[in-house]
């Protein structure tokens, strides 16, 4: 992904917060990511055109899995939170700046 793309500081901060394993994911975080991806797809984000077809399918698979995990999330646990976090990050693949680990 080209480094020349600019991201708002708020978007970058939110993505880094969601990616942080110490951050406890909440429903709002999950909805924010799903909405972010949906918006980028609807806007025809050029970064998506740079992805291969198999990678686009992977993004879609993770997007769907994250949505289903959101719907079925009755209880939370560390393993499930990490699975959700992975799905959210993979669904945003190609659409986000590199994640900074704290």
C-alpha atoms as a PDB file:
ATOM      1  CA  UNK A   1       0.000   0.000   0.000  1.00  0.00           C
ATOM      2  CA  UNK A   2       1.502   3.362  -0.956  1.00  0.00           C
ATOM      3  CA  UNK A   3       2.679   5.476   1.951  1.00  0.00           C
ATOM      4  CA  UNK A   4       1.361   8.665   0.303  1.00  0.00           C
ATOM      5  CA  UNK A   5      -2.219   8.023   1.412  1.00  0.00           C
ATOM      6  CA  UNK A   6      -3.282  10.244   4.252  1.00  0.00           C
ATOM      7  CA  UNK A   7      -5.508   9.216   7.118  1.00  0.00           C
ATOM      8  CA  UNK A   8      -7.120  11.501   9.620  1.00  0.00           C
ATOM      9  CA  UNK A   9      -5.483  11.446  13.046  1.00  0.00           C
ATOM     10  CA  UNK A  10      -8.826  10.327  14.515  1.00  0.00           C
ATOM     11  CA  UNK A  11      -9.053   7.355  12.142  1.00  0.00           C
ATOM     12  CA  UNK A  12      -5.462   6.330  12.798  1.00  0.00           C
ATOM     13  CA  UNK A  13      -5.936   6.643  16.566  1.00  0.00           C
ATOM     14  CA  UNK A  14      -9.148   4.595  16.484  1.00  0.00           C
ATOM     15  CA  UNK A  15      -7.582   1.843  14.372  1.00  0.00           C
ATOM     16  CA  UNK A  16      -4.530   1.688  16.658  1.00  0.00           C
ATOM     17  CA  UNK A  17      -6.775   1.544  19.722  1.00  0.00           C
ATOM     18  CA  UNK A  18      -8.842  -1.315  18.272  1.00  0.00           C
ATOM     19  CA  UNK A  19      -5.659  -3.177  17.267  1.00  0.00           C
ATOM     20  CA  UNK A  20      -4.167  -2.838  20.753  1.00  0.00           C
ATOM     21  CA  UNK A  21      -4.502  -6.204  22.559  1.00  0.00           C
ATOM     22  CA  UNK A  22      -4.820  -4.351  25.892  1.00  0.00           C
ATOM     23  CA  UNK A  23      -7.931  -2.557  24.622  1.00  0.00           C
ATOM     24  CA  UNK A  24     -11.143  -4.380  25.517  1.00  0.00           C
ATOM     25  CA  UNK A  25     -13.241  -4.538  22.378  1.00  0.00           C
ATOM     26  CA  UNK A  26     -16.795  -3.312  22.650  1.00  0.00           C
ATOM     27  CA  UNK A  27     -19.756  -3.477  20.308  1.00  0.00           C
ATOM     28  CA  UNK A  28     -19.130   0.132  19.203  1.00  0.00           C
ATOM     29  CA  UNK A  29     -15.569  -0.772  18.088  1.00  0.00           C
ATOM     30  CA  UNK A  30     -16.879  -3.624  15.983  1.00  0.00           C
ATOM     31  CA  UNK A  31     -19.613  -1.507  14.432  1.00  0.00           C
ATOM     32  CA  UNK A  32     -17.123   1.284  13.713  1.00  0.00           C
ATOM     33  CA  UNK A  33     -14.845  -1.092  11.756  1.00  0.00           C
ATOM     34  CA  UNK A  34     -17.722  -2.678   9.840  1.00  0.00           C
ATOM     35  CA  UNK A  35     -19.066   0.763   8.942  1.00  0.00           C
ATOM     36  CA  UNK A  36     -15.578   1.997   7.982  1.00  0.00           C
ATOM     37  CA  UNK A  37     -15.079  -0.921   5.584  1.00  0.00           C
ATOM     38  CA  UNK A  38     -18.600  -0.560   4.170  1.00  0.00           C
ATOM     39  CA  UNK A  39     -17.993   3.159   3.558  1.00  0.00           C
ATOM     40  CA  UNK A  40     -14.685   2.533   1.789  1.00  0.00           C
ATOM     41  CA  UNK A  41     -16.263  -0.094  -0.469  1.00  0.00           C
ATOM     42  CA  UNK A  42     -19.227   2.181  -1.274  1.00  0.00           C
ATOM     43  CA  UNK A  43     -16.843   5.063  -2.084  1.00  0.00           C
ATOM     44  CA  UNK A  44     -14.864   2.842  -4.447  1.00  0.00           C
ATOM     45  CA  UNK A  45     -11.660   3.258  -2.445  1.00  0.00           C
ATOM     46  CA  UNK A  46      -8.724   3.023  -4.904  1.00  0.00           C
ATOM     47  CA  UNK A  47      -6.720   0.955  -2.392  1.00  0.00           C
ATOM     48  CA  UNK A  48      -9.212  -1.872  -2.909  1.00  0.00           C
ATOM     49  CA  UNK A  49      -8.378  -1.962  -6.626  1.00  0.00           C
ATOM     50  CA  UNK A  50      -4.757  -2.662  -5.722  1.00  0.00           C
ATOM     51  CA  UNK A  51      -5.708  -5.851  -3.876  1.00  0.00           C
ATOM     52  CA  UNK A  52      -5.724  -9.189  -5.650  1.00  0.00           C
ATOM     53  CA  UNK A  53      -9.023 -11.000  -6.114  1.00  0.00           C
ATOM     54  CA  UNK A  54      -8.082 -13.684  -3.564  1.00  0.00           C
ATOM     55  CA  UNK A  55      -7.225 -10.952  -1.026  1.00  0.00           C
ATOM     56  CA  UNK A  56     -10.534  -9.183  -1.687  1.00  0.00           C
ATOM     57  CA  UNK A  57     -12.323 -12.465  -1.014  1.00  0.00           C
ATOM     58  CA  UNK A  58     -10.372 -12.834   2.222  1.00  0.00           C
ATOM     59  CA  UNK A  59     -11.378  -9.314   3.256  1.00  0.00           C
ATOM     60  CA  UNK A  60     -15.010 -10.192   2.543  1.00  0.00           C
ATOM     61  CA  UNK A  61     -14.724 -13.467   4.471  1.00  0.00           C
ATOM     62  CA  UNK A  62     -13.308 -11.685   7.525  1.00  0.00           C
ATOM     63  CA  UNK A  63     -15.909  -8.906   7.234  1.00  0.00           C
ATOM     64  CA  UNK A  64     -18.683 -11.520   7.265  1.00  0.00           C
ATOM     65  CA  UNK A  65     -17.117 -13.438  10.134  1.00  0.00           C
ATOM     66  CA  UNK A  66     -16.741 -10.251  12.191  1.00  0.00           C
ATOM     67  CA  UNK A  67     -20.400  -9.413  11.544  1.00  0.00           C
ATOM     68  CA  UNK A  68     -21.505 -12.890  12.628  1.00  0.00           C
ATOM     69  CA  UNK A  69     -19.318 -12.753  15.737  1.00  0.00           C
ATOM     70  CA  UNK A  70     -20.920  -9.415  16.593  1.00  0.00           C
ATOM     71  CA  UNK A  71     -24.392 -10.929  16.266  1.00  0.00           C
ATOM     72  CA  UNK A  72     -23.558 -14.007  18.336  1.00  0.00           C
ATOM     73  CA  UNK A  73     -21.440 -12.294  20.984  1.00  0.00           C
ATOM     74  CA  UNK A  74     -23.241 -13.262  24.178  1.00  0.00           C
ATOM     75  CA  UNK A  75     -20.204 -13.708  26.353  1.00  0.00           C
ATOM     76  CA  UNK A  76     -16.708 -12.462  25.936  1.00  0.00           C
ATOM     77  CA  UNK A  77     -13.400 -14.075  26.550  1.00  0.00           C
ATOM     78  CA  UNK A  78      -9.799 -13.384  25.663  1.00  0.00           C
ATOM     79  CA  UNK A  79      -9.731 -15.968  22.857  1.00  0.00           C
ATOM     80  CA  UNK A  80     -12.942 -14.652  21.309  1.00  0.00           C
ATOM     81  CA  UNK A  81     -11.762 -11.034  21.624  1.00  0.00           C
ATOM     82  CA  UNK A  82      -8.527 -11.902  19.831  1.00  0.00           C
ATOM     83  CA  UNK A  83     -10.446 -13.720  17.082  1.00  0.00           C
ATOM     84  CA  UNK A  84     -12.726 -10.697  16.642  1.00  0.00           C
ATOM     85  CA  UNK A  85      -9.716  -8.343  16.633  1.00  0.00           C
ATOM     86  CA  UNK A  86      -8.027 -10.469  13.947  1.00  0.00           C
ATOM     87  CA  UNK A  87     -11.190 -10.512  11.830  1.00  0.00           C
ATOM     88  CA  UNK A  88     -11.574  -6.743  12.096  1.00  0.00           C
ATOM     89  CA  UNK A  89      -7.954  -6.099  11.130  1.00  0.00           C
ATOM     90  CA  UNK A  90      -8.129  -8.528   8.212  1.00  0.00           C
ATOM     91  CA  UNK A  91     -11.409  -7.007   6.996  1.00  0.00           C
ATOM     92  CA  UNK A  92      -9.623  -3.621   6.834  1.00  0.00           C
ATOM     93  CA  UNK A  93      -6.567  -5.035   5.041  1.00  0.00           C
ATOM     94  CA  UNK A  94      -5.425  -2.566   2.395  1.00  0.00           C
ATOM     95  CA  UNK A  95      -7.666   0.199   3.741  1.00  0.00           C
ATOM     96  CA  UNK A  96      -5.740   1.208   6.826  1.00  0.00           C
ATOM     97  CA  UNK A  97      -2.344   2.663   7.627  1.00  0.00           C
ATOM     98  CA  UNK A  98       0.171   0.305   9.199  1.00  0.00           C
ATOM     99  CA  UNK A  99      -0.883  -0.382  12.780  1.00  0.00           C
ATOM    100  CA  UNK A 100       1.475   0.910  15.462  1.00  0.00           C
ATOM    101  CA  UNK A 101       1.826  -1.420  18.430  1.00  0.00           C
ATOM    102  CA  UNK A 102       2.072   0.218  21.831  1.00  0.00           C
END
